[in-house]
Amino acid sequence: MPFPIKTCILCGEEFELKPDKPGYANRCPECSVPESSSTSADLTEVLDPKSKREANEARREAMRNMLYRKDS
């Protein structure tokens, strides 16, 4: 059974849609290559330990205020 022929939505090139193909089903293998991970760096990786600690303290305080706030 032959593989279905698809057309890439980015470059318009035709390709065979094979099982276990990485990426999207409507993009050719060249266009499915993931972009560099440095542009999508996680905020927690960027913060230094002091900033992480301050953010965690603020997060805990906000949760404490929400949970134990008296409804008046």
N, C-alpha and C. Protein backbone atom coordinates (compact mmCIF):
# COMPACT_ATOMS: atom_id res chain seq x y z
N MET A 1 0.85 -1.18 0.00
CA MET A 1 0.00 0.00 0.00
C MET A 1 0.90 1.24 0.00
N PRO A 2 0.73 2.10 -0.98
CA PRO A 2 1.59 3.30 -1.06
C PRO A 2 1.19 4.34 0.00
N PHE A 3 2.17 5.16 0.34
CA PHE A 3 1.92 6.23 1.30
C PHE A 3 1.17 7.37 0.61
N PRO A 4 0.27 8.06 1.32
CA PRO A 4 -0.45 9.17 0.69
C PRO A 4 0.49 10.33 0.36
N ILE A 5 0.21 10.98 -0.75
CA ILE A 5 0.98 12.15 -1.19
C ILE A 5 0.29 13.39 -0.64
N LYS A 6 1.04 14.20 0.09
CA LYS A 6 0.53 15.44 0.67
C LYS A 6 1.30 16.61 0.08
N THR A 7 0.73 17.80 0.19
CA THR A 7 1.38 19.03 -0.24
C THR A 7 1.66 19.87 0.99
N CYS A 8 2.90 20.31 1.12
CA CYS A 8 3.31 21.11 2.27
C CYS A 8 2.60 22.46 2.24
N ILE A 9 2.08 22.88 3.39
CA ILE A 9 1.37 24.16 3.45
C ILE A 9 2.32 25.35 3.47
N LEU A 10 3.60 25.11 3.79
CA LEU A 10 4.56 26.22 3.85
C LEU A 10 5.26 26.45 2.52
N CYS A 11 5.82 25.38 1.94
CA CYS A 11 6.60 25.57 0.72
C CYS A 11 5.90 25.05 -0.54
N GLY A 12 4.82 24.29 -0.39
CA GLY A 12 4.07 23.80 -1.54
C GLY A 12 4.66 22.55 -2.18
N GLU A 13 5.70 21.99 -1.61
CA GLU A 13 6.34 20.80 -2.15
C GLU A 13 5.53 19.56 -1.78
N GLU A 14 5.46 18.59 -2.71
CA GLU A 14 4.75 17.35 -2.44
C GLU A 14 5.69 16.38 -1.73
N PHE A 15 5.13 15.59 -0.78
CA PHE A 15 5.91 14.61 -0.05
C PHE A 15 5.03 13.45 0.33
N GLU A 16 5.66 12.31 0.63
CA GLU A 16 4.92 11.13 1.07
C GLU A 16 4.75 11.20 2.58
N LEU A 17 3.53 11.01 3.03
CA LEU A 17 3.24 11.01 4.46
C LEU A 17 3.49 9.60 5.00
N LYS A 18 4.65 9.43 5.65
CA LYS A 18 5.06 8.12 6.14
C LYS A 18 4.77 8.02 7.64
N PRO A 19 4.55 6.80 8.12
CA PRO A 19 4.36 6.62 9.56
C PRO A 19 5.62 7.04 10.32
N ASP A 20 5.44 7.50 11.53
CA ASP A 20 6.53 7.95 12.40
C ASP A 20 7.30 9.13 11.83
N LYS A 21 6.68 9.90 10.94
CA LYS A 21 7.31 11.12 10.41
C LYS A 21 7.28 12.18 11.51
N PRO A 22 8.42 12.77 11.83
CA PRO A 22 8.41 13.81 12.86
C PRO A 22 7.74 15.08 12.35
N GLY A 23 7.14 15.83 13.23
CA GLY A 23 6.54 17.10 12.85
C GLY A 23 5.07 16.98 12.50
N TYR A 24 4.60 17.92 11.73
CA TYR A 24 3.18 18.02 11.38
C TYR A 24 2.87 17.19 10.15
N ALA A 25 1.63 16.71 10.04
CA ALA A 25 1.23 15.88 8.91
C ALA A 25 1.03 16.70 7.65
N ASN A 26 0.90 18.02 7.76
CA ASN A 26 0.68 18.84 6.57
C ASN A 26 1.93 19.65 6.18
N ARG A 27 3.10 19.25 6.73
CA ARG A 27 4.36 19.91 6.39
C ARG A 27 5.38 18.87 5.95
N CYS A 28 6.21 19.24 4.98
CA CYS A 28 7.25 18.33 4.51
C CYS A 28 8.32 18.19 5.60
N PRO A 29 9.17 17.16 5.51
CA PRO A 29 10.19 16.96 6.54
C PRO A 29 11.13 18.15 6.72
N GLU A 30 11.45 18.87 5.66
CA GLU A 30 12.34 20.03 5.78
C GLU A 30 11.68 21.17 6.55
N CYS A 31 10.38 21.35 6.37
CA CYS A 31 9.66 22.43 7.06
C CYS A 31 9.24 22.01 8.47
N SER A 32 9.30 20.71 8.79
CA SER A 32 8.91 20.22 10.10
C SER A 32 10.03 20.28 11.12
N VAL A 33 11.23 20.66 10.70
CA VAL A 33 12.36 20.72 11.63
C VAL A 33 12.05 21.73 12.71
N PRO A 34 12.17 21.34 13.99
CA PRO A 34 11.86 22.28 15.07
C PRO A 34 12.83 23.45 15.07
N GLU A 35 12.30 24.61 15.45
CA GLU A 35 13.13 25.80 15.50
C GLU A 35 14.03 25.73 16.72
N SER A 36 15.02 26.60 16.78
CA SER A 36 15.97 26.56 17.88
C SER A 36 15.25 26.77 19.21
N SER A 37 15.68 26.04 20.22
CA SER A 37 15.02 26.12 21.52
C SER A 37 15.41 27.37 22.28
N SER A 38 16.42 28.09 21.82
CA SER A 38 16.85 29.28 22.54
C SER A 38 15.81 30.40 22.44
N THR A 39 15.02 30.42 21.39
CA THR A 39 14.00 31.45 21.26
C THR A 39 12.81 31.18 22.17
N SER A 40 12.59 29.91 22.49
CA SER A 40 11.46 29.57 23.35
C SER A 40 11.95 29.15 24.73
N ALA A 41 12.93 29.87 25.25
CA ALA A 41 13.48 29.53 26.56
C ALA A 41 12.44 29.75 27.64
N ASP A 42 12.40 28.82 28.57
CA ASP A 42 11.44 28.89 29.66
C ASP A 42 11.86 29.98 30.64
N LEU A 43 10.91 30.66 31.21
CA LEU A 43 11.20 31.76 32.14
C LEU A 43 11.96 31.26 33.35
N THR A 44 11.66 30.07 33.81
CA THR A 44 12.33 29.56 35.01
C THR A 44 13.80 29.28 34.75
N GLU A 45 14.17 28.99 33.51
CA GLU A 45 15.57 28.77 33.18
C GLU A 45 16.35 30.07 33.14
N VAL A 46 15.66 31.16 32.87
CA VAL A 46 16.31 32.46 32.72
C VAL A 46 16.55 33.11 34.07
N LEU A 47 15.65 32.91 35.02
CA LEU A 47 15.73 33.57 36.31
C LEU A 47 16.89 33.03 37.14
N ASP A 48 17.54 33.91 37.89
CA ASP A 48 18.58 33.46 38.81
C ASP A 48 17.92 32.93 40.08
N PRO A 49 18.67 32.25 40.94
CA PRO A 49 18.06 31.63 42.13
C PRO A 49 17.35 32.63 43.05
N LYS A 50 17.88 33.84 43.19
CA LYS A 50 17.23 34.82 44.05
C LYS A 50 15.88 35.23 43.49
N SER A 51 15.81 35.42 42.18
CA SER A 51 14.54 35.79 41.55
C SER A 51 13.52 34.65 41.66
N LYS A 52 14.00 33.41 41.52
CA LYS A 52 13.11 32.25 41.66
C LYS A 52 12.53 32.21 43.07
N ARG A 53 13.39 32.43 44.07
CA ARG A 53 12.94 32.39 45.45
C ARG A 53 11.90 33.48 45.72
N GLU A 54 12.16 34.69 45.20
CA GLU A 54 11.21 35.80 45.39
C GLU A 54 9.89 35.51 44.69
N ALA A 55 9.96 34.93 43.49
CA ALA A 55 8.73 34.59 42.77
C ALA A 55 7.94 33.53 43.52
N ASN A 56 8.64 32.53 44.06
CA ASN A 56 7.95 31.49 44.83
C ASN A 56 7.32 32.05 46.09
N GLU A 57 8.01 32.95 46.77
CA GLU A 57 7.45 33.56 47.98
C GLU A 57 6.20 34.36 47.65
N ALA A 58 6.25 35.12 46.56
CA ALA A 58 5.08 35.91 46.16
C ALA A 58 3.92 34.99 45.77
N ARG A 59 4.24 33.90 45.10
CA ARG A 59 3.21 32.94 44.70
C ARG A 59 2.57 32.30 45.93
N ARG A 60 3.39 31.91 46.92
CA ARG A 60 2.85 31.32 48.15
C ARG A 60 1.99 32.31 48.91
N GLU A 61 2.42 33.55 48.98
CA GLU A 61 1.65 34.58 49.68
C GLU A 61 0.30 34.82 49.01
N ALA A 62 0.31 34.87 47.68
CA ALA A 62 -0.95 35.07 46.95
C ALA A 62 -1.90 33.90 47.18
N MET A 63 -1.37 32.67 47.17
CA MET A 63 -2.22 31.51 47.42
C MET A 63 -2.76 31.53 48.84
N ARG A 64 -1.93 31.91 49.80
CA ARG A 64 -2.37 31.98 51.20
C ARG A 64 -3.49 33.00 51.35
N ASN A 65 -3.33 34.15 50.70
CA ASN A 65 -4.36 35.18 50.77
C ASN A 65 -5.67 34.71 50.14
N MET A 66 -5.58 33.98 49.03
CA MET A 66 -6.79 33.50 48.38
C MET A 66 -7.48 32.42 49.20
N LEU A 67 -6.70 31.54 49.80
CA LEU A 67 -7.29 30.42 50.54
C LEU A 67 -7.87 30.82 51.88
N TYR A 68 -7.18 31.69 52.60
CA TYR A 68 -7.59 32.01 53.97
C TYR A 68 -8.23 33.38 54.12
N ARG A 69 -8.62 33.98 53.01
CA ARG A 69 -9.26 35.29 53.06
C ARG A 69 -10.68 35.11 53.63
N LYS A 70 -11.04 35.99 54.53
CA LYS A 70 -12.40 35.94 55.08
C LYS A 70 -13.34 36.66 54.14
N ASP A 71 -14.43 36.03 53.82
CA ASP A 71 -15.44 36.66 52.96
C ASP A 71 -16.27 37.61 53.83
N SER A 72 -16.12 38.91 53.59
CA SER A 72 -16.87 39.87 54.41
C SER A 72 -17.79 40.69 53.58
